[in-house]
Every structure is written in C-alpha cells, then in structure tokens.
Amino acid sequence: MHFLSPLLENYITDHSQSEPKVLQELTKETHLKVIQPRMITGHFQGRALSLLSKIINPKTILEIGTYTGYSAICLAEGLQKNGTLHTIDVNQELVEMQRTYFDKSGFGSQIIQHTGDALKLIPDMDETFDLIFIDAEKASYDHYFETVLKKTRPGSVILSDNVLWSGKVVEPLQPKDKVTKILLDYNKKLKEDPRVETVLLPIRDGLTLSRVL
C-alpha cells in the first residue's frame, strides 16, 4: 500500500539527502539477482536510518534481517570511528553479496555478519547495543524485542520496521491473518510498555522508534 501519492513520495525523496552511489549499485543488483527485491530498504527510508544513526552516534549496532545489506550500510554511516555493527540473517546465499557491498561502502571492517537464528545467536553476544534495527520475520517480532532488550542500556534505541504492514493494521482483520494480528499486538505492546517510550513513524511501511528507559 502507498500511503502517499507517487507525486508526494517523489517530492519527499527529491528533497532528502541523495542516495550514495554504492547503494544505487546495490539496489540495481538486488533487483537483477535476488527474489523479492521490494524487501530492500530503499532511498528515502535508507536516508532516514542513516540520519537517525548519525544523531545517535552509536558505538554498537545490532541488525536483525540483513537481506542484501542496504540498511546495514545506512546504519553504519552513523557509527563511531571504532564502532561495530552486527547483522544477522538466515540466508547463507546472500552472505557474499552482502560482503561485497559492505567492503565497497568503506564500512566493511566495522560490519560483522552472522548467519542463523537471531533468537539463538543474540543471547551469546557479549555486547550492549546503542541502536537496534528489527527487520526480519514479523511473526517473531515480540520475541526479538524481548531478546534484544536484555542487550540494551537506558537510552538505547530500538527500531522496528514494517509495523504498518501495507496498511493491514487499520483494515478489518481476517481470521486467518496471523501475522497482522501479531503486529497489532506488537504495536499495542510497544505503546504501553513502561520499559520504553515509543513513536510510530509513517516512513515507508511504518518504522517504530522505541527508546529504552
């Protein structure tokens, strides 16, 4: 679902920071070679992630859901000089492509790739994260949130992507639509959870920003 007219979307993109060349190249290759290329973060949301990361200036970032690496590069733009970004994905086939563009971006030495189940990998990470981006299997969002919350400090920021779910969150809920129900519950939980303060931003398919208290 497009929440704004194409004319407005183009205007917003045209009046936001330009997309770096390396990300233009990554977008093109993703569309040529990878299934479901619409999953890529894209120019406008990518610049929003980049600017948020630069404002936070994190030393440590955790990303759940690497895909082809677009969002990881955007988030890495805000890392401190000696900072690190850990990114997790279940798809082994994309690791080489991710690494190619991580290195092209200039952030390769700061980005650590992990392949496997995030819920099993995260508890073993000896890190406290300043910024976390959740963008993987929607059915596991609540589990991801509870797992990463244990790896934060007061002031850490947790971003959750696709929380508007193509507008399905405001449409009549279909009885068999389990994912939308999970996201409805997740959005309600973040709004009411006393451990965080939350604002839902209408960026692309919905991006929730939660600050740990």
N, C-alpha and C. Protein backbone atom coordinates (compact mmCIF):
# COMPACT_ATOMS: atom_id res chain seq x y z
N MET A 1 0.84 -1.20 0.00
CA MET A 1 0.00 0.00 0.00
C MET A 1 0.87 1.25 0.00
N HIS A 2 0.53 2.21 -0.86
CA HIS A 2 1.19 3.51 -0.86
C HIS A 2 0.35 4.46 -0.01
N PHE A 3 0.96 4.99 1.04
CA PHE A 3 0.22 5.85 1.95
C PHE A 3 0.16 7.29 1.44
N LEU A 4 1.08 7.64 0.55
CA LEU A 4 1.11 8.95 -0.07
C LEU A 4 1.02 8.79 -1.58
N SER A 5 0.63 9.83 -2.27
CA SER A 5 0.60 9.76 -3.72
C SER A 5 2.02 9.64 -4.27
N PRO A 6 2.21 9.01 -5.42
CA PRO A 6 3.54 8.92 -6.03
C PRO A 6 4.19 10.28 -6.20
N LEU A 7 3.37 11.30 -6.47
CA LEU A 7 3.90 12.66 -6.64
C LEU A 7 4.55 13.15 -5.35
N LEU A 8 3.85 12.95 -4.22
CA LEU A 8 4.40 13.36 -2.94
C LEU A 8 5.62 12.52 -2.55
N GLU A 9 5.54 11.22 -2.81
CA GLU A 9 6.66 10.34 -2.49
C GLU A 9 7.91 10.78 -3.25
N ASN A 10 7.75 11.12 -4.52
CA ASN A 10 8.88 11.58 -5.32
C ASN A 10 9.41 12.91 -4.80
N TYR A 11 8.51 13.79 -4.40
CA TYR A 11 8.93 15.09 -3.87
C TYR A 11 9.75 14.91 -2.59
N ILE A 12 9.27 14.02 -1.70
CA ILE A 12 9.96 13.75 -0.44
C ILE A 12 11.36 13.20 -0.71
N THR A 13 11.45 12.24 -1.62
CA THR A 13 12.74 11.65 -1.96
C THR A 13 13.67 12.69 -2.58
N ASP A 14 13.13 13.50 -3.49
CA ASP A 14 13.95 14.51 -4.18
C ASP A 14 14.47 15.58 -3.23
N HIS A 15 13.79 15.77 -2.11
CA HIS A 15 14.19 16.81 -1.15
C HIS A 15 14.80 16.22 0.12
N SER A 16 15.25 14.99 0.02
CA SER A 16 16.04 14.35 1.07
C SER A 16 17.44 14.12 0.53
N GLN A 17 18.35 13.76 1.43
CA GLN A 17 19.73 13.55 1.02
C GLN A 17 19.82 12.56 -0.14
N SER A 18 20.73 12.82 -1.05
CA SER A 18 20.90 11.94 -2.21
C SER A 18 21.37 10.55 -1.79
N GLU A 19 20.98 9.56 -2.55
CA GLU A 19 21.37 8.18 -2.28
C GLU A 19 22.82 7.96 -2.72
N PRO A 20 23.67 7.45 -1.81
CA PRO A 20 25.06 7.18 -2.18
C PRO A 20 25.15 6.23 -3.37
N LYS A 21 26.19 6.39 -4.16
CA LYS A 21 26.36 5.59 -5.37
C LYS A 21 26.41 4.09 -5.07
N VAL A 22 27.11 3.72 -4.00
CA VAL A 22 27.23 2.30 -3.68
C VAL A 22 25.86 1.67 -3.40
N LEU A 23 24.94 2.45 -2.83
CA LEU A 23 23.60 1.94 -2.55
C LEU A 23 22.74 1.90 -3.81
N GLN A 24 23.00 2.81 -4.74
CA GLN A 24 22.34 2.73 -6.04
C GLN A 24 22.74 1.44 -6.75
N GLU A 25 24.03 1.12 -6.68
CA GLU A 25 24.54 -0.10 -7.31
C GLU A 25 23.96 -1.34 -6.64
N LEU A 26 23.86 -1.32 -5.31
CA LEU A 26 23.31 -2.44 -4.57
C LEU A 26 21.84 -2.64 -4.91
N THR A 27 21.09 -1.56 -5.03
CA THR A 27 19.68 -1.64 -5.39
C THR A 27 19.52 -2.29 -6.76
N LYS A 28 20.33 -1.86 -7.71
CA LYS A 28 20.25 -2.40 -9.07
C LYS A 28 20.55 -3.90 -9.08
N GLU A 29 21.61 -4.31 -8.38
CA GLU A 29 21.98 -5.73 -8.37
C GLU A 29 20.93 -6.56 -7.63
N THR A 30 20.35 -6.01 -6.58
CA THR A 30 19.31 -6.72 -5.85
C THR A 30 18.11 -7.00 -6.75
N HIS A 31 17.72 -6.00 -7.53
CA HIS A 31 16.57 -6.17 -8.43
C HIS A 31 16.89 -7.15 -9.57
N LEU A 32 18.13 -7.24 -9.94
CA LEU A 32 18.51 -8.12 -11.04
C LEU A 32 18.67 -9.58 -10.59
N LYS A 33 19.11 -9.78 -9.34
CA LYS A 33 19.55 -11.12 -8.94
C LYS A 33 18.81 -11.76 -7.78
N VAL A 34 18.05 -10.99 -7.01
CA VAL A 34 17.50 -11.53 -5.76
C VAL A 34 15.98 -11.57 -5.79
N ILE A 35 15.43 -12.64 -5.21
CA ILE A 35 13.97 -12.78 -5.12
C ILE A 35 13.41 -11.74 -4.17
N GLN A 36 12.23 -11.23 -4.49
CA GLN A 36 11.52 -10.22 -3.68
C GLN A 36 12.35 -8.95 -3.44
N PRO A 37 12.80 -8.31 -4.51
CA PRO A 37 13.63 -7.12 -4.36
C PRO A 37 12.93 -5.96 -3.66
N ARG A 38 11.61 -6.00 -3.58
CA ARG A 38 10.87 -4.93 -2.88
C ARG A 38 11.20 -4.90 -1.39
N MET A 39 11.84 -5.96 -0.90
CA MET A 39 12.23 -6.00 0.52
C MET A 39 13.39 -5.07 0.84
N ILE A 40 14.10 -4.59 -0.19
CA ILE A 40 15.23 -3.71 0.05
C ILE A 40 14.75 -2.40 0.68
N THR A 41 15.56 -1.84 1.54
CA THR A 41 15.15 -0.66 2.31
C THR A 41 14.79 0.52 1.41
N GLY A 42 15.62 0.87 0.47
CA GLY A 42 15.29 1.95 -0.46
C GLY A 42 15.81 3.31 -0.04
N HIS A 43 15.80 4.22 -1.00
CA HIS A 43 16.44 5.53 -0.86
C HIS A 43 15.94 6.33 0.34
N PHE A 44 14.65 6.63 0.41
CA PHE A 44 14.16 7.53 1.46
C PHE A 44 14.32 6.93 2.86
N GLN A 45 13.86 5.70 3.03
CA GLN A 45 13.99 5.09 4.36
C GLN A 45 15.46 4.90 4.72
N GLY A 46 16.27 4.59 3.73
CA GLY A 46 17.70 4.44 3.98
C GLY A 46 18.33 5.71 4.49
N ARG A 47 17.95 6.83 3.91
CA ARG A 47 18.49 8.13 4.38
C ARG A 47 17.95 8.45 5.78
N ALA A 48 16.72 8.05 6.06
CA ALA A 48 16.17 8.25 7.41
C ALA A 48 16.96 7.43 8.43
N LEU A 49 17.25 6.18 8.10
CA LEU A 49 18.04 5.33 9.00
C LEU A 49 19.44 5.89 9.20
N SER A 50 20.03 6.37 8.12
CA SER A 50 21.36 6.95 8.20
C SER A 50 21.39 8.16 9.13
N LEU A 51 20.42 9.05 8.98
CA LEU A 51 20.40 10.26 9.79
C LEU A 51 20.11 9.94 11.26
N LEU A 52 19.20 9.01 11.50
CA LEU A 52 18.94 8.59 12.88
C LEU A 52 20.20 8.02 13.53
N SER A 53 20.92 7.21 12.78
CA SER A 53 22.15 6.63 13.30
C SER A 53 23.19 7.70 13.58
N LYS A 54 23.29 8.67 12.69
CA LYS A 54 24.25 9.77 12.89
C LYS A 54 23.90 10.61 14.12
N ILE A 55 22.61 10.80 14.37
CA ILE A 55 22.17 11.56 15.55
C ILE A 55 22.51 10.78 16.82
N ILE A 56 22.27 9.47 16.79
CA ILE A 56 22.54 8.63 17.97
C ILE A 56 24.04 8.42 18.15
N ASN A 57 24.77 8.35 17.02
CA ASN A 57 26.23 8.12 17.01
C ASN A 57 26.60 6.89 17.85
N PRO A 58 26.06 5.73 17.50
CA PRO A 58 26.25 4.53 18.31
C PRO A 58 27.66 3.95 18.21
N LYS A 59 28.07 3.30 19.28
CA LYS A 59 29.31 2.53 19.26
C LYS A 59 29.02 1.11 18.80
N THR A 60 27.83 0.62 19.13
CA THR A 60 27.44 -0.74 18.76
C THR A 60 26.03 -0.75 18.18
N ILE A 61 25.87 -1.45 17.06
CA ILE A 61 24.57 -1.59 16.40
C ILE A 61 24.29 -3.06 16.19
N LEU A 62 23.03 -3.44 16.35
CA LEU A 62 22.58 -4.79 16.03
C LEU A 62 21.45 -4.69 15.01
N GLU A 63 21.59 -5.45 13.93
CA GLU A 63 20.53 -5.51 12.93
C GLU A 63 20.04 -6.95 12.81
N ILE A 64 18.73 -7.14 12.87
CA ILE A 64 18.14 -8.46 12.67
C ILE A 64 17.43 -8.43 11.32
N GLY A 65 18.01 -9.11 10.34
CA GLY A 65 17.47 -9.11 8.98
C GLY A 65 18.35 -8.30 8.05
N THR A 66 19.38 -8.94 7.51
CA THR A 66 20.35 -8.23 6.66
C THR A 66 19.84 -8.04 5.24
N TYR A 67 19.19 -9.06 4.70
CA TYR A 67 18.81 -9.13 3.29
C TYR A 67 20.06 -8.91 2.44
N THR A 68 20.10 -7.93 1.55
CA THR A 68 21.31 -7.75 0.73
C THR A 68 22.27 -6.71 1.31
N GLY A 69 21.93 -6.13 2.46
CA GLY A 69 22.89 -5.27 3.16
C GLY A 69 22.66 -3.78 3.07
N TYR A 70 21.58 -3.36 2.40
CA TYR A 70 21.33 -1.93 2.22
C TYR A 70 21.20 -1.19 3.55
N SER A 71 20.31 -1.67 4.42
CA SER A 71 20.06 -0.97 5.68
C SER A 71 21.28 -0.99 6.59
N ALA A 72 22.05 -2.08 6.54
CA ALA A 72 23.26 -2.16 7.37
C ALA A 72 24.24 -1.05 7.00
N ILE A 73 24.40 -0.81 5.72
CA ILE A 73 25.31 0.25 5.27
C ILE A 73 24.80 1.61 5.72
N CYS A 74 23.49 1.81 5.61
CA CYS A 74 22.90 3.09 6.05
C CYS A 74 23.15 3.31 7.54
N LEU A 75 22.90 2.29 8.35
CA LEU A 75 23.10 2.40 9.79
C LEU A 75 24.57 2.59 10.14
N ALA A 76 25.45 1.94 9.40
CA ALA A 76 26.89 2.03 9.67
C ALA A 76 27.42 3.44 9.45
N GLU A 77 26.73 4.23 8.67
CA GLU A 77 27.17 5.61 8.41
C GLU A 77 27.23 6.45 9.68
N GLY A 78 26.47 6.05 10.70
CA GLY A 78 26.46 6.81 11.94
C GLY A 78 27.35 6.25 13.03
N LEU A 79 28.03 5.13 12.76
CA LEU A 79 28.88 4.50 13.76
C LEU A 79 30.02 5.40 14.22
N GLN A 80 30.38 5.26 15.48
CA GLN A 80 31.60 5.90 15.96
C GLN A 80 32.80 5.30 15.23
N LYS A 81 33.91 6.00 15.27
CA LYS A 81 35.09 5.60 14.49
C LYS A 81 35.50 4.16 14.73
N ASN A 82 35.47 3.72 15.96
CA ASN A 82 35.85 2.35 16.29
C ASN A 82 34.64 1.47 16.60
N GLY A 83 33.47 1.88 16.13
CA GLY A 83 32.25 1.15 16.41
C GLY A 83 32.07 -0.07 15.53
N THR A 84 31.12 -0.93 15.93
CA THR A 84 30.85 -2.15 15.17
C THR A 84 29.35 -2.35 14.99
N LEU A 85 29.01 -2.98 13.88
CA LEU A 85 27.63 -3.33 13.58
C LEU A 85 27.57 -4.83 13.37
N HIS A 86 26.71 -5.50 14.14
CA HIS A 86 26.46 -6.92 13.97
C HIS A 86 25.15 -7.09 13.21
N THR A 87 25.17 -7.83 12.12
CA THR A 87 23.96 -8.03 11.34
C THR A 87 23.71 -9.52 11.15
N ILE A 88 22.45 -9.93 11.33
CA ILE A 88 22.08 -11.34 11.34
C ILE A 88 21.05 -11.63 10.25
N ASP A 89 21.26 -12.73 9.52
CA ASP A 89 20.29 -13.17 8.54
C ASP A 89 20.32 -14.69 8.45
N VAL A 90 19.22 -15.28 8.03
CA VAL A 90 19.16 -16.74 7.93
C VAL A 90 19.62 -17.25 6.57
N ASN A 91 19.74 -16.34 5.59
CA ASN A 91 20.03 -16.74 4.21
C ASN A 91 21.53 -16.75 3.93
N GLN A 92 22.11 -17.91 3.91
CA GLN A 92 23.54 -18.06 3.64
C GLN A 92 23.90 -17.62 2.23
N GLU A 93 22.96 -17.74 1.30
CA GLU A 93 23.23 -17.44 -0.11
C GLU A 93 23.55 -15.96 -0.36
N LEU A 94 23.15 -15.09 0.54
CA LEU A 94 23.36 -13.65 0.33
C LEU A 94 24.62 -13.12 1.00
N VAL A 95 25.33 -13.96 1.73
CA VAL A 95 26.49 -13.50 2.51
C VAL A 95 27.56 -12.87 1.63
N GLU A 96 27.87 -13.50 0.51
CA GLU A 96 28.93 -12.99 -0.37
C GLU A 96 28.55 -11.64 -0.97
N MET A 97 27.30 -11.51 -1.40
CA MET A 97 26.83 -10.25 -1.96
C MET A 97 26.86 -9.15 -0.90
N GLN A 98 26.41 -9.47 0.31
CA GLN A 98 26.46 -8.50 1.41
C GLN A 98 27.89 -8.02 1.62
N ARG A 99 28.82 -8.96 1.71
CA ARG A 99 30.21 -8.61 2.00
C ARG A 99 30.81 -7.74 0.91
N THR A 100 30.47 -8.02 -0.34
CA THR A 100 30.98 -7.21 -1.45
C THR A 100 30.61 -5.75 -1.27
N TYR A 101 29.36 -5.50 -0.93
CA TYR A 101 28.90 -4.11 -0.79
C TYR A 101 29.30 -3.49 0.54
N PHE A 102 29.42 -4.29 1.58
CA PHE A 102 29.94 -3.75 2.83
C PHE A 102 31.35 -3.20 2.61
N ASP A 103 32.17 -3.96 1.90
CA ASP A 103 33.54 -3.53 1.65
C ASP A 103 33.57 -2.33 0.71
N LYS A 104 32.71 -2.33 -0.31
CA LYS A 104 32.63 -1.19 -1.23
C LYS A 104 32.24 0.09 -0.51
N SER A 105 31.41 -0.05 0.51
CA SER A 105 30.89 1.13 1.22
C SER A 105 31.94 1.82 2.07
N GLY A 106 33.02 1.10 2.39
CA GLY A 106 34.04 1.65 3.28
C GLY A 106 33.82 1.28 4.74
N PHE A 107 32.73 0.58 5.04
CA PHE A 107 32.43 0.18 6.42
C PHE A 107 32.67 -1.30 6.66
N GLY A 108 33.27 -1.97 5.69
CA GLY A 108 33.43 -3.41 5.76
C GLY A 108 34.09 -3.92 7.02
N SER A 109 35.12 -3.20 7.47
CA SER A 109 35.86 -3.66 8.66
C SER A 109 35.05 -3.50 9.94
N GLN A 110 33.97 -2.72 9.88
CA GLN A 110 33.15 -2.48 11.08
C GLN A 110 31.89 -3.33 11.11
N ILE A 111 31.60 -4.04 10.01
CA ILE A 111 30.37 -4.82 9.92
C ILE A 111 30.67 -6.30 10.07
N ILE A 112 30.04 -6.92 11.06
CA ILE A 112 30.24 -8.34 11.35
C ILE A 112 28.97 -9.10 10.96
N GLN A 113 29.12 -10.06 10.06
CA GLN A 113 27.99 -10.84 9.58
C GLN A 113 27.79 -12.10 10.42
N HIS A 114 26.51 -12.42 10.67
CA HIS A 114 26.15 -13.65 11.36
C HIS A 114 25.05 -14.33 10.54
N THR A 115 25.14 -15.63 10.41
CA THR A 115 24.11 -16.39 9.70
C THR A 115 23.47 -17.39 10.66
N GLY A 116 22.14 -17.35 10.74
CA GLY A 116 21.45 -18.28 11.62
C GLY A 116 20.24 -17.65 12.28
N ASP A 117 19.76 -18.31 13.30
CA ASP A 117 18.58 -17.88 14.05
C ASP A 117 18.97 -16.80 15.06
N ALA A 118 18.46 -15.60 14.85
CA ALA A 118 18.82 -14.47 15.73
C ALA A 118 18.48 -14.76 17.19
N LEU A 119 17.39 -15.47 17.43
CA LEU A 119 16.97 -15.75 18.80
C LEU A 119 17.95 -16.66 19.53
N LYS A 120 18.72 -17.43 18.78
CA LYS A 120 19.74 -18.29 19.36
C LYS A 120 21.10 -17.59 19.43
N LEU A 121 21.36 -16.70 18.46
CA LEU A 121 22.67 -16.04 18.39
C LEU A 121 22.81 -14.87 19.37
N ILE A 122 21.76 -14.09 19.52
CA ILE A 122 21.85 -12.86 20.31
C ILE A 122 22.20 -13.10 21.78
N PRO A 123 21.60 -14.09 22.44
CA PRO A 123 21.94 -14.30 23.87
C PRO A 123 23.42 -14.54 24.11
N ASP A 124 24.13 -15.06 23.11
CA ASP A 124 25.55 -15.36 23.28
C ASP A 124 26.46 -14.18 22.93
N MET A 125 25.87 -13.07 22.47
CA MET A 125 26.68 -11.89 22.12
C MET A 125 27.05 -11.12 23.37
N ASP A 126 28.32 -10.87 23.55
CA ASP A 126 28.79 -10.14 24.72
C ASP A 126 28.87 -8.65 24.39
N GLU A 127 27.71 -8.06 24.13
CA GLU A 127 27.64 -6.66 23.72
C GLU A 127 26.44 -5.99 24.37
N THR A 128 26.55 -4.68 24.57
CA THR A 128 25.40 -3.85 24.90
C THR A 128 25.22 -2.91 23.72
N PHE A 129 24.04 -2.93 23.12
CA PHE A 129 23.83 -2.21 21.87
C PHE A 129 23.18 -0.84 22.09
N ASP A 130 23.71 0.15 21.38
CA ASP A 130 23.17 1.50 21.44
C ASP A 130 22.00 1.67 20.48
N LEU A 131 22.03 0.91 19.37
CA LEU A 131 21.00 1.02 18.34
C LEU A 131 20.70 -0.37 17.79
N ILE A 132 19.42 -0.69 17.69
CA ILE A 132 18.99 -2.00 17.21
C ILE A 132 17.93 -1.80 16.13
N PHE A 133 18.05 -2.54 15.04
CA PHE A 133 17.08 -2.47 13.94
C PHE A 133 16.49 -3.86 13.73
N ILE A 134 15.19 -3.98 13.95
CA ILE A 134 14.48 -5.25 13.78
C ILE A 134 13.74 -5.22 12.45
N ASP A 135 14.14 -6.11 11.55
CA ASP A 135 13.53 -6.15 10.22
C ASP A 135 13.62 -7.56 9.66
N ALA A 136 13.08 -8.52 10.39
CA ALA A 136 13.15 -9.91 9.95
C ALA A 136 11.74 -10.51 10.01
N GLU A 137 11.63 -11.78 10.34
CA GLU A 137 10.34 -12.46 10.36
C GLU A 137 9.37 -11.78 11.31
N LYS A 138 8.26 -11.28 10.75
CA LYS A 138 7.32 -10.48 11.55
C LYS A 138 6.69 -11.29 12.68
N ALA A 139 6.48 -12.57 12.46
CA ALA A 139 5.85 -13.41 13.48
C ALA A 139 6.69 -13.50 14.75
N SER A 140 7.98 -13.16 14.64
CA SER A 140 8.88 -13.27 15.80
C SER A 140 9.21 -11.91 16.42
N TYR A 141 8.53 -10.85 16.00
CA TYR A 141 8.89 -9.51 16.47
C TYR A 141 8.91 -9.40 17.99
N ASP A 142 7.88 -9.93 18.65
CA ASP A 142 7.84 -9.81 20.11
C ASP A 142 9.01 -10.56 20.75
N HIS A 143 9.35 -11.71 20.20
CA HIS A 143 10.48 -12.49 20.71
C HIS A 143 11.80 -11.75 20.48
N TYR A 144 11.92 -11.15 19.29
CA TYR A 144 13.13 -10.35 19.01
C TYR A 144 13.26 -9.21 20.02
N PHE A 145 12.14 -8.51 20.22
CA PHE A 145 12.15 -7.35 21.12
C PHE A 145 12.59 -7.75 22.53
N GLU A 146 12.00 -8.80 23.04
CA GLU A 146 12.34 -9.23 24.41
C GLU A 146 13.79 -9.70 24.49
N THR A 147 14.28 -10.31 23.43
CA THR A 147 15.67 -10.79 23.42
C THR A 147 16.66 -9.64 23.35
N VAL A 148 16.39 -8.67 22.48
CA VAL A 148 17.35 -7.57 22.34
C VAL A 148 17.30 -6.61 23.51
N LEU A 149 16.14 -6.50 24.15
CA LEU A 149 16.01 -5.58 25.28
C LEU A 149 17.01 -5.91 26.38
N LYS A 150 17.36 -7.18 26.51
CA LYS A 150 18.34 -7.61 27.51
C LYS A 150 19.76 -7.17 27.14
N LYS A 151 19.93 -6.71 25.90
CA LYS A 151 21.25 -6.29 25.43
C LYS A 151 21.33 -4.78 25.23
N THR A 152 20.48 -4.04 25.96
CA THR A 152 20.45 -2.59 25.83
C THR A 152 20.82 -1.91 27.14
N ARG A 153 20.84 -0.60 27.11
CA ARG A 153 21.06 0.24 28.28
C ARG A 153 20.02 1.36 28.22
N PRO A 154 19.79 2.10 29.31
CA PRO A 154 18.91 3.26 29.21
C PRO A 154 19.42 4.23 28.14
N GLY A 155 18.55 4.61 27.23
CA GLY A 155 18.95 5.48 26.13
C GLY A 155 19.17 4.75 24.82
N SER A 156 19.30 3.43 24.88
CA SER A 156 19.41 2.66 23.63
C SER A 156 18.13 2.83 22.82
N VAL A 157 18.25 2.74 21.50
CA VAL A 157 17.11 2.92 20.61
C VAL A 157 16.86 1.63 19.83
N ILE A 158 15.60 1.19 19.82
CA ILE A 158 15.19 0.01 19.07
C ILE A 158 14.25 0.45 17.95
N LEU A 159 14.61 0.15 16.72
CA LEU A 159 13.79 0.46 15.56
C LEU A 159 13.11 -0.82 15.07
N SER A 160 11.82 -0.75 14.81
CA SER A 160 11.07 -1.90 14.29
C SER A 160 10.45 -1.52 12.95
N ASP A 161 10.76 -2.30 11.92
CA ASP A 161 10.31 -1.96 10.56
C ASP A 161 9.03 -2.70 10.19
N ASN A 162 8.34 -2.16 9.18
CA ASN A 162 7.13 -2.78 8.60
C ASN A 162 5.97 -2.91 9.58
N VAL A 163 5.88 -1.99 10.52
CA VAL A 163 4.84 -2.11 11.55
C VAL A 163 3.46 -1.66 11.08
N LEU A 164 3.37 -1.09 9.87
CA LEU A 164 2.06 -0.76 9.31
C LEU A 164 1.57 -1.85 8.35
N TRP A 165 2.49 -2.73 7.96
CA TRP A 165 2.15 -3.95 7.23
C TRP A 165 1.23 -3.69 6.04
N SER A 166 1.67 -2.80 5.17
CA SER A 166 0.91 -2.43 3.95
C SER A 166 -0.49 -1.93 4.27
N GLY A 167 -0.64 -1.32 5.44
CA GLY A 167 -1.93 -0.76 5.82
C GLY A 167 -2.90 -1.76 6.42
N LYS A 168 -2.51 -3.03 6.52
CA LYS A 168 -3.42 -4.05 7.05
C LYS A 168 -3.77 -3.82 8.51
N VAL A 169 -2.95 -3.06 9.23
CA VAL A 169 -3.20 -2.81 10.65
C VAL A 169 -4.44 -1.95 10.89
N VAL A 170 -4.93 -1.28 9.85
CA VAL A 170 -6.14 -0.47 10.01
C VAL A 170 -7.30 -1.01 9.19
N GLU A 171 -7.13 -2.20 8.63
CA GLU A 171 -8.20 -2.84 7.88
C GLU A 171 -8.86 -3.92 8.75
N PRO A 172 -10.07 -4.34 8.40
CA PRO A 172 -10.71 -5.43 9.16
C PRO A 172 -9.79 -6.66 9.17
N LEU A 173 -9.57 -7.20 10.35
CA LEU A 173 -8.66 -8.33 10.49
C LEU A 173 -9.29 -9.61 9.97
N GLN A 174 -8.58 -10.24 9.05
CA GLN A 174 -9.05 -11.51 8.51
C GLN A 174 -8.73 -12.63 9.51
N PRO A 175 -9.66 -13.55 9.73
CA PRO A 175 -9.47 -14.59 10.75
C PRO A 175 -8.18 -15.40 10.58
N LYS A 176 -7.76 -15.63 9.37
CA LYS A 176 -6.58 -16.46 9.13
C LYS A 176 -5.28 -15.65 9.04
N ASP A 177 -5.38 -14.33 9.18
CA ASP A 177 -4.21 -13.46 9.03
C ASP A 177 -3.47 -13.34 10.37
N LYS A 178 -2.65 -14.33 10.66
CA LYS A 178 -1.95 -14.39 11.94
C LYS A 178 -0.87 -13.31 12.07
N VAL A 179 -0.19 -12.99 10.97
CA VAL A 179 0.91 -12.02 11.03
C VAL A 179 0.41 -10.63 11.37
N THR A 180 -0.69 -10.21 10.74
CA THR A 180 -1.24 -8.89 11.06
C THR A 180 -1.66 -8.82 12.52
N LYS A 181 -2.26 -9.88 13.03
CA LYS A 181 -2.65 -9.92 14.44
C LYS A 181 -1.43 -9.79 15.35
N ILE A 182 -0.35 -10.45 14.99
CA ILE A 182 0.88 -10.36 15.77
C ILE A 182 1.41 -8.92 15.77
N LEU A 183 1.38 -8.27 14.61
CA LEU A 183 1.86 -6.90 14.53
C LEU A 183 0.94 -5.93 15.28
N LEU A 184 -0.36 -6.16 15.23
CA LEU A 184 -1.29 -5.33 16.00
C LEU A 184 -0.97 -5.43 17.50
N ASP A 185 -0.75 -6.64 17.96
CA ASP A 185 -0.41 -6.85 19.37
C ASP A 185 0.94 -6.22 19.71
N TYR A 186 1.88 -6.35 18.78
CA TYR A 186 3.23 -5.80 18.99
C TYR A 186 3.18 -4.27 19.09
N ASN A 187 2.45 -3.64 18.18
CA ASN A 187 2.35 -2.18 18.20
C ASN A 187 1.68 -1.69 19.48
N LYS A 188 0.66 -2.40 19.92
CA LYS A 188 -0.03 -2.05 21.17
C LYS A 188 0.92 -2.21 22.36
N LYS A 189 1.68 -3.29 22.34
CA LYS A 189 2.62 -3.55 23.43
C LYS A 189 3.66 -2.43 23.55
N LEU A 190 4.25 -2.05 22.42
CA LEU A 190 5.28 -1.01 22.47
C LEU A 190 4.71 0.31 22.97
N LYS A 191 3.49 0.61 22.60
CA LYS A 191 2.84 1.84 23.06
C LYS A 191 2.67 1.83 24.58
N GLU A 192 2.37 0.66 25.15
CA GLU A 192 2.03 0.57 26.56
C GLU A 192 3.18 0.09 27.44
N ASP A 193 4.27 -0.37 26.86
CA ASP A 193 5.36 -0.96 27.63
C ASP A 193 6.09 0.11 28.44
N PRO A 194 6.13 0.00 29.76
CA PRO A 194 6.77 1.01 30.60
C PRO A 194 8.30 1.01 30.51
N ARG A 195 8.86 0.04 29.82
CA ARG A 195 10.32 -0.03 29.70
C ARG A 195 10.86 0.83 28.57
N VAL A 196 9.94 1.31 27.71
CA VAL A 196 10.37 2.12 26.56
C VAL A 196 9.39 3.27 26.34
N GLU A 197 9.86 4.29 25.64
CA GLU A 197 8.95 5.31 25.11
C GLU A 197 9.00 5.19 23.60
N THR A 198 7.83 5.27 22.96
CA THR A 198 7.71 4.86 21.57
C THR A 198 6.95 5.87 20.73
N VAL A 199 7.42 6.04 19.49
CA VAL A 199 6.66 6.79 18.49
C VAL A 199 6.70 5.99 17.19
N LEU A 200 5.53 5.88 16.55
CA LEU A 200 5.43 5.15 15.29
C LEU A 200 5.49 6.17 14.16
N LEU A 201 6.49 6.04 13.32
CA LEU A 201 6.72 6.98 12.23
C LEU A 201 6.17 6.43 10.92
N PRO A 202 5.42 7.24 10.17
CA PRO A 202 4.85 6.76 8.90
C PRO A 202 5.87 6.81 7.77
N ILE A 203 7.01 6.19 8.00
CA ILE A 203 8.07 6.12 6.99
C ILE A 203 7.92 4.81 6.23
N ARG A 204 7.72 4.89 4.95
CA ARG A 204 7.54 3.73 4.08
C ARG A 204 6.44 2.82 4.62
N ASP A 205 6.78 1.62 5.11
CA ASP A 205 5.77 0.68 5.59
C ASP A 205 5.63 0.73 7.11
N GLY A 206 6.06 1.85 7.71
CA GLY A 206 5.96 2.03 9.14
C GLY A 206 7.24 1.68 9.86
N LEU A 207 7.78 2.64 10.63
CA LEU A 207 9.02 2.44 11.38
C LEU A 207 8.79 2.94 12.80
N THR A 208 8.86 2.04 13.76
CA THR A 208 8.67 2.42 15.16
C THR A 208 10.02 2.70 15.80
N LEU A 209 10.09 3.80 16.51
CA LEU A 209 11.28 4.20 17.24
C LEU A 209 10.97 4.07 18.73
N SER A 210 11.68 3.20 19.41
CA SER A 210 11.49 3.00 20.86
C SER A 210 12.78 3.30 21.59
N ARG A 211 12.70 4.14 22.60
CA ARG A 211 13.86 4.49 23.42
C ARG A 211 13.77 3.79 24.76
N VAL A 212 14.82 3.06 25.11
CA VAL A 212 14.83 2.29 26.36
C VAL A 212 14.96 3.24 27.55
N LEU A 213 14.12 3.06 28.56
CA LEU A 213 14.13 3.91 29.76
C LEU A 213 14.97 3.32 30.88
